[in-house]
Amino acid sequence: MAFVSGAGVGGRQLSLAKSARGRMYAQSHVVRMAKGVDFESMDGSELRVGIVHAKWGKEMISQLVKDAKSSLRECKVKDENIVEVEVPGSFELPIAARFMAMTQKVDAVICCGVLIKGETDHYEYIAQAVSSGLMSLQLQTGIPMIFGVLTCPEESHALARSTGDKSH
């Protein structure tokens, strides 16, 4: 098994192993997913992080965003390095995250939204589109898209998961 180390997507340092069959794969203990992050001390002081959030479900979303910012600050991400954008609903999260990734020079994007199952198939279509869009976007850009979208059968579940001690 041979090891290769070099610059990866966006100048990030990647270490890869080459198997006996010639396939490359990431060494999970040495790959850094974001520039400047030491996972032991969580020093994000050099990171720029975007937060894209939906307007719909304001009570739940505002708590998710507040908690995300609090967690970023705990990891030493500077307030001036947190870029925030609001969109009408969760369906718009992937396109806003794409524009943010392309124009704001962010190291990661946290996407916050709430989808509550109703009596129609609308929920399934939106949930699939949002999750697929964000996954595709991070694979295309190499920038992590954090899936902070609550998908709940009832509003009470979303409230429980977004507020209080059990906030996600």
N, C-alpha and C. Protein backbone atom coordinates (compact mmCIF):
# COMPACT_ATOMS: atom_id res chain seq x y z
N MET A 1 0.84 -1.17 0.00
CA MET A 1 0.00 0.00 0.00
C MET A 1 0.89 1.24 0.00
N ALA A 2 0.65 2.15 -0.94
CA ALA A 2 1.42 3.38 -1.04
C ALA A 2 0.59 4.55 -0.54
N PHE A 3 1.27 5.55 0.00
CA PHE A 3 0.56 6.72 0.50
C PHE A 3 0.95 7.94 -0.32
N VAL A 4 -0.04 8.78 -0.59
CA VAL A 4 0.16 9.99 -1.35
C VAL A 4 -0.41 11.15 -0.55
N SER A 5 0.29 12.25 -0.50
CA SER A 5 -0.22 13.43 0.20
C SER A 5 -0.06 14.62 -0.72
N GLY A 6 -1.07 15.46 -0.76
CA GLY A 6 -0.97 16.63 -1.62
C GLY A 6 -2.16 17.54 -1.45
N ALA A 7 -2.16 18.60 -2.24
CA ALA A 7 -3.25 19.57 -2.15
C ALA A 7 -4.49 18.98 -2.79
N GLY A 8 -5.61 19.16 -2.13
CA GLY A 8 -6.89 18.67 -2.64
C GLY A 8 -7.74 19.82 -3.12
N VAL A 9 -9.03 19.63 -3.12
CA VAL A 9 -9.99 20.63 -3.56
C VAL A 9 -9.83 21.91 -2.75
N GLY A 10 -9.76 23.02 -3.42
CA GLY A 10 -9.68 24.32 -2.75
C GLY A 10 -8.39 24.50 -1.95
N GLY A 11 -7.33 23.77 -2.29
CA GLY A 11 -6.08 23.91 -1.57
C GLY A 11 -6.03 23.15 -0.26
N ARG A 12 -7.08 22.38 0.04
CA ARG A 12 -7.10 21.61 1.29
C ARG A 12 -6.11 20.45 1.18
N GLN A 13 -5.45 20.13 2.24
CA GLN A 13 -4.47 19.05 2.27
C GLN A 13 -5.18 17.71 2.40
N LEU A 14 -4.91 16.80 1.49
CA LEU A 14 -5.51 15.47 1.53
C LEU A 14 -4.42 14.43 1.56
N SER A 15 -4.63 13.37 2.29
CA SER A 15 -3.74 12.23 2.27
C SER A 15 -4.54 11.05 1.78
N LEU A 16 -4.02 10.38 0.79
CA LEU A 16 -4.71 9.26 0.19
C LEU A 16 -3.85 8.02 0.25
N ALA A 17 -4.49 6.88 0.31
CA ALA A 17 -3.77 5.61 0.26
C ALA A 17 -4.08 4.95 -1.07
N LYS A 18 -3.10 4.26 -1.61
CA LYS A 18 -3.29 3.53 -2.85
C LYS A 18 -3.25 2.05 -2.53
N SER A 19 -4.36 1.37 -2.85
CA SER A 19 -4.45 -0.05 -2.54
C SER A 19 -3.61 -0.85 -3.53
N ALA A 20 -3.46 -2.13 -3.26
CA ALA A 20 -2.69 -3.01 -4.13
C ALA A 20 -3.29 -3.05 -5.54
N ARG A 21 -4.59 -2.81 -5.67
CA ARG A 21 -5.26 -2.82 -6.97
C ARG A 21 -5.19 -1.46 -7.65
N GLY A 22 -4.54 -0.51 -7.04
CA GLY A 22 -4.37 0.80 -7.66
C GLY A 22 -5.48 1.78 -7.38
N ARG A 23 -6.43 1.44 -6.56
CA ARG A 23 -7.52 2.36 -6.23
C ARG A 23 -7.08 3.31 -5.13
N MET A 24 -7.50 4.57 -5.28
CA MET A 24 -7.17 5.58 -4.28
C MET A 24 -8.34 5.70 -3.30
N TYR A 25 -8.05 5.87 -2.04
CA TYR A 25 -9.09 6.12 -1.06
C TYR A 25 -8.53 6.98 0.05
N ALA A 26 -9.42 7.76 0.66
CA ALA A 26 -9.00 8.70 1.70
C ALA A 26 -8.71 7.97 2.99
N GLN A 27 -7.67 8.39 3.67
CA GLN A 27 -7.36 7.88 5.00
C GLN A 27 -8.14 8.72 5.99
N SER A 28 -9.17 8.16 6.59
CA SER A 28 -10.08 8.94 7.42
C SER A 28 -9.39 9.62 8.60
N HIS A 29 -8.33 9.05 9.10
CA HIS A 29 -7.67 9.65 10.25
C HIS A 29 -6.74 10.81 9.88
N VAL A 30 -6.51 11.04 8.60
CA VAL A 30 -5.62 12.13 8.22
C VAL A 30 -6.26 13.15 7.30
N VAL A 31 -7.48 12.92 6.83
CA VAL A 31 -8.12 13.86 5.92
C VAL A 31 -8.72 15.01 6.72
N ARG A 32 -8.41 16.22 6.31
CA ARG A 32 -9.01 17.40 6.92
C ARG A 32 -10.06 17.91 5.95
N MET A 33 -11.30 18.02 6.43
CA MET A 33 -12.40 18.42 5.57
C MET A 33 -12.50 19.94 5.39
N ALA A 34 -11.88 20.70 6.24
CA ALA A 34 -11.96 22.16 6.11
C ALA A 34 -10.61 22.78 6.45
N LYS A 35 -10.26 23.80 5.74
CA LYS A 35 -8.99 24.49 5.89
C LYS A 35 -8.79 24.97 7.33
N GLY A 36 -7.66 24.66 7.92
CA GLY A 36 -7.30 25.22 9.21
C GLY A 36 -7.93 24.57 10.43
N VAL A 37 -8.69 23.51 10.28
CA VAL A 37 -9.36 22.92 11.44
C VAL A 37 -8.53 21.79 12.01
N ASP A 38 -8.22 21.89 13.27
CA ASP A 38 -7.58 20.82 14.01
C ASP A 38 -8.69 20.18 14.84
N PHE A 39 -9.07 18.97 14.49
CA PHE A 39 -10.25 18.37 15.10
C PHE A 39 -10.08 18.11 16.59
N GLU A 40 -8.87 18.04 17.08
CA GLU A 40 -8.67 17.85 18.52
C GLU A 40 -8.99 19.11 19.30
N SER A 41 -8.57 20.27 18.81
CA SER A 41 -8.82 21.52 19.54
C SER A 41 -9.95 22.33 18.94
N MET A 42 -10.43 21.95 17.74
CA MET A 42 -11.52 22.64 17.05
C MET A 42 -11.25 24.14 16.92
N ASP A 43 -10.13 24.48 16.38
CA ASP A 43 -9.77 25.88 16.17
C ASP A 43 -10.24 26.31 14.78
N GLY A 44 -11.37 26.99 14.73
CA GLY A 44 -11.92 27.47 13.48
C GLY A 44 -11.65 28.93 13.24
N SER A 45 -10.64 29.48 13.90
CA SER A 45 -10.38 30.92 13.82
C SER A 45 -10.05 31.40 12.41
N GLU A 46 -9.61 30.52 11.55
CA GLU A 46 -9.27 30.91 10.18
C GLU A 46 -10.35 30.51 9.18
N LEU A 47 -11.47 29.99 9.67
CA LEU A 47 -12.54 29.54 8.78
C LEU A 47 -13.54 30.65 8.49
N ARG A 48 -14.15 30.56 7.34
CA ARG A 48 -15.27 31.42 6.95
C ARG A 48 -16.43 30.47 6.67
N VAL A 49 -17.53 30.64 7.40
CA VAL A 49 -18.65 29.71 7.33
C VAL A 49 -19.92 30.46 6.94
N GLY A 50 -20.65 29.88 6.00
CA GLY A 50 -21.92 30.46 5.59
C GLY A 50 -23.07 29.76 6.28
N ILE A 51 -24.11 30.51 6.56
CA ILE A 51 -25.36 29.95 7.07
C ILE A 51 -26.46 30.41 6.13
N VAL A 52 -27.13 29.45 5.49
CA VAL A 52 -28.27 29.74 4.65
C VAL A 52 -29.48 29.17 5.36
N HIS A 53 -30.50 30.00 5.59
CA HIS A 53 -31.66 29.49 6.31
C HIS A 53 -32.96 29.96 5.67
N ALA A 54 -33.98 29.14 5.86
CA ALA A 54 -35.30 29.44 5.33
C ALA A 54 -36.01 30.44 6.23
N LYS A 55 -36.91 31.20 5.64
CA LYS A 55 -37.73 32.14 6.40
C LYS A 55 -38.93 31.42 7.01
N TRP A 56 -39.45 30.43 6.28
CA TRP A 56 -40.62 29.69 6.73
C TRP A 56 -40.27 28.90 8.00
N GLY A 57 -41.13 28.97 9.01
CA GLY A 57 -40.87 28.30 10.27
C GLY A 57 -39.96 29.12 11.16
N LYS A 58 -40.16 30.43 11.17
CA LYS A 58 -39.26 31.39 11.81
C LYS A 58 -38.87 31.02 13.25
N GLU A 59 -39.86 30.62 14.06
CA GLU A 59 -39.56 30.30 15.46
C GLU A 59 -38.53 29.18 15.57
N MET A 60 -38.72 28.15 14.76
CA MET A 60 -37.80 27.00 14.80
C MET A 60 -36.47 27.34 14.15
N ILE A 61 -36.52 28.01 13.02
CA ILE A 61 -35.31 28.36 12.27
C ILE A 61 -34.41 29.29 13.08
N SER A 62 -35.01 30.29 13.71
CA SER A 62 -34.18 31.26 14.45
C SER A 62 -33.40 30.57 15.56
N GLN A 63 -33.98 29.56 16.18
CA GLN A 63 -33.27 28.83 17.23
C GLN A 63 -32.15 27.97 16.63
N LEU A 64 -32.42 27.33 15.49
CA LEU A 64 -31.38 26.54 14.83
C LEU A 64 -30.19 27.41 14.44
N VAL A 65 -30.48 28.59 13.89
CA VAL A 65 -29.41 29.51 13.48
C VAL A 65 -28.65 30.02 14.70
N LYS A 66 -29.38 30.37 15.74
CA LYS A 66 -28.74 30.85 16.97
C LYS A 66 -27.80 29.78 17.53
N ASP A 67 -28.24 28.53 17.57
CA ASP A 67 -27.41 27.45 18.09
C ASP A 67 -26.22 27.17 17.17
N ALA A 68 -26.42 27.27 15.86
CA ALA A 68 -25.31 27.06 14.93
C ALA A 68 -24.23 28.13 15.15
N LYS A 69 -24.65 29.38 15.28
CA LYS A 69 -23.69 30.47 15.53
C LYS A 69 -22.97 30.27 16.86
N SER A 70 -23.70 29.84 17.86
CA SER A 70 -23.09 29.59 19.17
C SER A 70 -22.03 28.49 19.07
N SER A 71 -22.34 27.43 18.35
CA SER A 71 -21.38 26.33 18.17
C SER A 71 -20.15 26.80 17.39
N LEU A 72 -20.37 27.63 16.37
CA LEU A 72 -19.24 28.16 15.61
C LEU A 72 -18.35 29.02 16.49
N ARG A 73 -18.95 29.85 17.33
CA ARG A 73 -18.16 30.68 18.24
C ARG A 73 -17.36 29.83 19.22
N GLU A 74 -17.97 28.74 19.70
CA GLU A 74 -17.25 27.83 20.60
C GLU A 74 -16.02 27.24 19.93
N CYS A 75 -16.08 27.12 18.61
CA CYS A 75 -14.95 26.60 17.83
C CYS A 75 -14.05 27.73 17.33
N LYS A 76 -14.23 28.92 17.90
CA LYS A 76 -13.39 30.09 17.63
C LYS A 76 -13.57 30.69 16.24
N VAL A 77 -14.70 30.41 15.57
CA VAL A 77 -14.98 31.08 14.30
C VAL A 77 -15.38 32.51 14.64
N LYS A 78 -14.74 33.48 13.99
CA LYS A 78 -14.98 34.90 14.28
C LYS A 78 -16.33 35.33 13.68
N ASP A 79 -17.03 36.21 14.40
CA ASP A 79 -18.33 36.70 13.93
C ASP A 79 -18.26 37.28 12.52
N GLU A 80 -17.18 37.99 12.23
CA GLU A 80 -17.04 38.58 10.89
C GLU A 80 -16.82 37.54 9.80
N ASN A 81 -16.55 36.30 10.20
CA ASN A 81 -16.37 35.21 9.25
C ASN A 81 -17.59 34.30 9.15
N ILE A 82 -18.71 34.76 9.69
CA ILE A 82 -19.97 34.04 9.56
C ILE A 82 -20.86 34.86 8.64
N VAL A 83 -21.18 34.29 7.48
CA VAL A 83 -21.99 34.96 6.47
C VAL A 83 -23.38 34.33 6.51
N GLU A 84 -24.42 35.17 6.60
CA GLU A 84 -25.78 34.65 6.75
C GLU A 84 -26.68 35.16 5.62
N VAL A 85 -27.49 34.24 5.07
CA VAL A 85 -28.45 34.58 4.01
C VAL A 85 -29.78 33.89 4.32
N GLU A 86 -30.86 34.62 4.11
CA GLU A 86 -32.20 34.06 4.32
C GLU A 86 -32.88 33.87 2.96
N VAL A 87 -33.58 32.74 2.82
CA VAL A 87 -34.35 32.44 1.61
C VAL A 87 -35.79 32.15 2.03
N PRO A 88 -36.74 32.21 1.10
CA PRO A 88 -38.15 32.02 1.47
C PRO A 88 -38.46 30.68 2.14
N GLY A 89 -37.96 29.60 1.59
CA GLY A 89 -38.26 28.27 2.13
C GLY A 89 -37.12 27.31 1.92
N SER A 90 -37.28 26.09 2.39
CA SER A 90 -36.22 25.08 2.30
C SER A 90 -35.89 24.71 0.85
N PHE A 91 -36.87 24.79 -0.04
CA PHE A 91 -36.62 24.45 -1.45
C PHE A 91 -35.52 25.32 -2.05
N GLU A 92 -35.37 26.54 -1.57
CA GLU A 92 -34.37 27.47 -2.11
C GLU A 92 -32.99 27.32 -1.46
N LEU A 93 -32.86 26.46 -0.46
CA LEU A 93 -31.57 26.29 0.22
C LEU A 93 -30.43 25.88 -0.73
N PRO A 94 -30.63 24.87 -1.60
CA PRO A 94 -29.51 24.47 -2.46
C PRO A 94 -29.00 25.58 -3.39
N ILE A 95 -29.88 26.35 -4.01
CA ILE A 95 -29.41 27.39 -4.93
C ILE A 95 -28.71 28.51 -4.16
N ALA A 96 -29.23 28.87 -3.00
CA ALA A 96 -28.58 29.91 -2.20
C ALA A 96 -27.22 29.42 -1.69
N ALA A 97 -27.15 28.16 -1.28
CA ALA A 97 -25.87 27.58 -0.82
C ALA A 97 -24.87 27.55 -1.97
N ARG A 98 -25.34 27.27 -3.18
CA ARG A 98 -24.45 27.27 -4.35
C ARG A 98 -23.88 28.66 -4.60
N PHE A 99 -24.75 29.67 -4.60
CA PHE A 99 -24.28 31.05 -4.81
C PHE A 99 -23.31 31.46 -3.71
N MET A 100 -23.60 31.06 -2.48
CA MET A 100 -22.70 31.39 -1.38
C MET A 100 -21.34 30.71 -1.58
N ALA A 101 -21.36 29.45 -1.95
CA ALA A 101 -20.11 28.72 -2.17
C ALA A 101 -19.29 29.35 -3.29
N MET A 102 -19.98 29.88 -4.30
CA MET A 102 -19.29 30.45 -5.46
C MET A 102 -18.78 31.87 -5.22
N THR A 103 -19.44 32.64 -4.35
CA THR A 103 -19.12 34.06 -4.25
C THR A 103 -18.56 34.51 -2.91
N GLN A 104 -18.75 33.76 -1.86
CA GLN A 104 -18.37 34.23 -0.53
C GLN A 104 -17.08 33.61 0.01
N LYS A 105 -16.45 32.73 -0.74
CA LYS A 105 -15.20 32.09 -0.31
C LYS A 105 -15.34 31.45 1.07
N VAL A 106 -16.37 30.63 1.22
CA VAL A 106 -16.62 29.96 2.49
C VAL A 106 -15.98 28.57 2.51
N ASP A 107 -15.68 28.10 3.71
CA ASP A 107 -15.10 26.77 3.90
C ASP A 107 -16.17 25.72 4.14
N ALA A 108 -17.36 26.15 4.53
CA ALA A 108 -18.49 25.26 4.75
C ALA A 108 -19.76 26.10 4.75
N VAL A 109 -20.89 25.45 4.47
CA VAL A 109 -22.18 26.13 4.50
C VAL A 109 -23.13 25.30 5.36
N ILE A 110 -23.75 25.94 6.33
CA ILE A 110 -24.75 25.30 7.17
C ILE A 110 -26.11 25.69 6.62
N CYS A 111 -26.92 24.71 6.27
CA CYS A 111 -28.24 24.96 5.69
C CYS A 111 -29.31 24.58 6.70
N CYS A 112 -30.12 25.56 7.09
CA CYS A 112 -31.16 25.34 8.11
C CYS A 112 -32.55 25.53 7.50
N GLY A 113 -33.39 24.55 7.71
CA GLY A 113 -34.76 24.63 7.23
C GLY A 113 -35.64 23.68 8.03
N VAL A 114 -36.93 23.80 7.82
CA VAL A 114 -37.90 22.93 8.48
C VAL A 114 -38.92 22.48 7.45
N LEU A 115 -39.12 21.17 7.36
CA LEU A 115 -40.15 20.60 6.50
C LEU A 115 -41.07 19.76 7.37
N ILE A 116 -42.37 20.06 7.29
CA ILE A 116 -43.34 19.33 8.10
C ILE A 116 -44.31 18.63 7.17
N LYS A 117 -44.46 17.34 7.40
CA LYS A 117 -45.31 16.52 6.55
C LYS A 117 -46.77 16.97 6.67
N GLY A 118 -47.40 17.13 5.55
CA GLY A 118 -48.82 17.50 5.52
C GLY A 118 -49.64 16.37 4.92
N GLU A 119 -50.77 16.73 4.37
CA GLU A 119 -51.69 15.73 3.82
C GLU A 119 -51.42 15.42 2.36
N THR A 120 -50.47 16.12 1.73
CA THR A 120 -50.17 15.89 0.32
C THR A 120 -48.75 15.35 0.17
N ASP A 121 -48.37 15.08 -1.06
CA ASP A 121 -47.02 14.57 -1.35
C ASP A 121 -45.96 15.69 -1.40
N HIS A 122 -46.37 16.92 -1.24
CA HIS A 122 -45.47 18.07 -1.33
C HIS A 122 -44.22 17.89 -0.47
N TYR A 123 -44.39 17.44 0.75
CA TYR A 123 -43.30 17.23 1.70
C TYR A 123 -42.22 16.31 1.12
N GLU A 124 -42.65 15.17 0.56
CA GLU A 124 -41.70 14.21 0.01
C GLU A 124 -40.89 14.80 -1.13
N TYR A 125 -41.57 15.55 -2.02
CA TYR A 125 -40.86 16.15 -3.16
C TYR A 125 -39.83 17.18 -2.70
N ILE A 126 -40.23 18.02 -1.76
CA ILE A 126 -39.32 19.07 -1.28
C ILE A 126 -38.16 18.45 -0.50
N ALA A 127 -38.45 17.51 0.40
CA ALA A 127 -37.39 16.87 1.19
C ALA A 127 -36.37 16.19 0.29
N GLN A 128 -36.85 15.47 -0.72
CA GLN A 128 -35.94 14.78 -1.65
C GLN A 128 -35.11 15.78 -2.45
N ALA A 129 -35.76 16.83 -2.95
CA ALA A 129 -35.05 17.82 -3.76
C ALA A 129 -33.98 18.54 -2.95
N VAL A 130 -34.30 18.92 -1.72
CA VAL A 130 -33.36 19.65 -0.88
C VAL A 130 -32.17 18.76 -0.50
N SER A 131 -32.45 17.55 -0.03
CA SER A 131 -31.35 16.68 0.39
C SER A 131 -30.48 16.29 -0.80
N SER A 132 -31.09 15.97 -1.92
CA SER A 132 -30.33 15.62 -3.11
C SER A 132 -29.53 16.81 -3.63
N GLY A 133 -30.16 17.98 -3.64
CA GLY A 133 -29.48 19.19 -4.11
C GLY A 133 -28.26 19.54 -3.28
N LEU A 134 -28.39 19.44 -1.97
CA LEU A 134 -27.26 19.77 -1.09
C LEU A 134 -26.14 18.74 -1.20
N MET A 135 -26.51 17.46 -1.31
CA MET A 135 -25.49 16.41 -1.47
C MET A 135 -24.74 16.62 -2.79
N SER A 136 -25.47 16.85 -3.85
CA SER A 136 -24.84 17.08 -5.15
C SER A 136 -23.93 18.29 -5.12
N LEU A 137 -24.39 19.34 -4.47
CA LEU A 137 -23.61 20.56 -4.38
C LEU A 137 -22.28 20.36 -3.66
N GLN A 138 -22.29 19.64 -2.56
CA GLN A 138 -21.02 19.45 -1.86
C GLN A 138 -20.09 18.52 -2.62
N LEU A 139 -20.64 17.58 -3.36
CA LEU A 139 -19.79 16.72 -4.19
C LEU A 139 -19.18 17.51 -5.35
N GLN A 140 -19.94 18.44 -5.92
CA GLN A 140 -19.45 19.25 -7.03
C GLN A 140 -18.42 20.28 -6.60
N THR A 141 -18.64 20.90 -5.44
CA THR A 141 -17.77 22.01 -5.02
C THR A 141 -16.64 21.58 -4.10
N GLY A 142 -16.81 20.46 -3.40
CA GLY A 142 -15.83 20.06 -2.40
C GLY A 142 -15.98 20.84 -1.10
N ILE A 143 -17.01 21.64 -1.01
CA ILE A 143 -17.29 22.43 0.19
C ILE A 143 -18.38 21.72 0.97
N PRO A 144 -18.15 21.41 2.24
CA PRO A 144 -19.18 20.73 3.03
C PRO A 144 -20.45 21.55 3.15
N MET A 145 -21.58 20.91 2.90
CA MET A 145 -22.91 21.51 3.06
C MET A 145 -23.55 20.78 4.23
N ILE A 146 -23.67 21.44 5.35
CA ILE A 146 -24.20 20.83 6.56
C ILE A 146 -25.72 20.80 6.47
N PHE A 147 -26.30 19.61 6.58
CA PHE A 147 -27.74 19.42 6.42
C PHE A 147 -28.43 19.67 7.75
N GLY A 148 -28.86 20.90 7.95
CA GLY A 148 -29.57 21.29 9.17
C GLY A 148 -31.05 21.47 8.89
N VAL A 149 -31.58 20.60 8.06
CA VAL A 149 -33.00 20.68 7.70
C VAL A 149 -33.76 19.64 8.50
N LEU A 150 -34.69 20.11 9.32
CA LEU A 150 -35.51 19.19 10.10
C LEU A 150 -36.64 18.67 9.20
N THR A 151 -36.79 17.38 9.12
CA THR A 151 -37.88 16.76 8.36
C THR A 151 -38.73 15.99 9.36
N CYS A 152 -39.89 16.54 9.67
CA CYS A 152 -40.70 16.02 10.77
C CYS A 152 -42.13 15.74 10.33
N PRO A 153 -42.74 14.73 10.94
CA PRO A 153 -44.13 14.42 10.59
C PRO A 153 -45.13 15.44 11.14
N GLU A 154 -44.78 16.13 12.22
CA GLU A 154 -45.69 17.11 12.83
C GLU A 154 -44.88 18.30 13.34
N GLU A 155 -45.56 19.45 13.43
CA GLU A 155 -44.90 20.66 13.91
C GLU A 155 -44.36 20.50 15.33
N SER A 156 -45.07 19.75 16.17
CA SER A 156 -44.61 19.57 17.55
C SER A 156 -43.25 18.87 17.59
N HIS A 157 -43.01 17.96 16.65
CA HIS A 157 -41.70 17.28 16.59
C HIS A 157 -40.61 18.28 16.19
N ALA A 158 -40.92 19.14 15.23
CA ALA A 158 -39.94 20.13 14.80
C ALA A 158 -39.63 21.12 15.92
N LEU A 159 -40.65 21.52 16.65
CA LEU A 159 -40.43 22.42 17.80
C LEU A 159 -39.55 21.76 18.84
N ALA A 160 -39.82 20.49 19.12
CA ALA A 160 -39.03 19.76 20.13
C ALA A 160 -37.56 19.62 19.70
N ARG A 161 -37.33 19.45 18.41
CA ARG A 161 -35.96 19.25 17.92
C ARG A 161 -35.21 20.57 17.70
N SER A 162 -35.93 21.68 17.68
CA SER A 162 -35.26 22.96 17.39
C SER A 162 -35.17 23.89 18.58
N THR A 163 -35.85 23.58 19.66
CA THR A 163 -35.83 24.48 20.82
C THR A 163 -35.49 23.69 22.07
N GLY A 164 -35.11 24.40 23.10
CA GLY A 164 -34.82 23.77 24.39
C GLY A 164 -33.51 23.01 24.42
N ASP A 165 -33.41 22.09 25.36
CA ASP A 165 -32.18 21.33 25.58
C ASP A 165 -31.87 20.34 24.45
N LYS A 166 -32.87 19.96 23.68
CA LYS A 166 -32.66 18.95 22.64
C LYS A 166 -32.51 19.58 21.25
N SER A 167 -32.18 20.85 21.23
CA SER A 167 -32.03 21.53 19.95
C SER A 167 -30.90 20.89 19.16
N HIS A 168 -31.14 20.69 17.88
CA HIS A 168 -30.14 20.11 16.99
C HIS A 168 -29.28 21.22 16.45
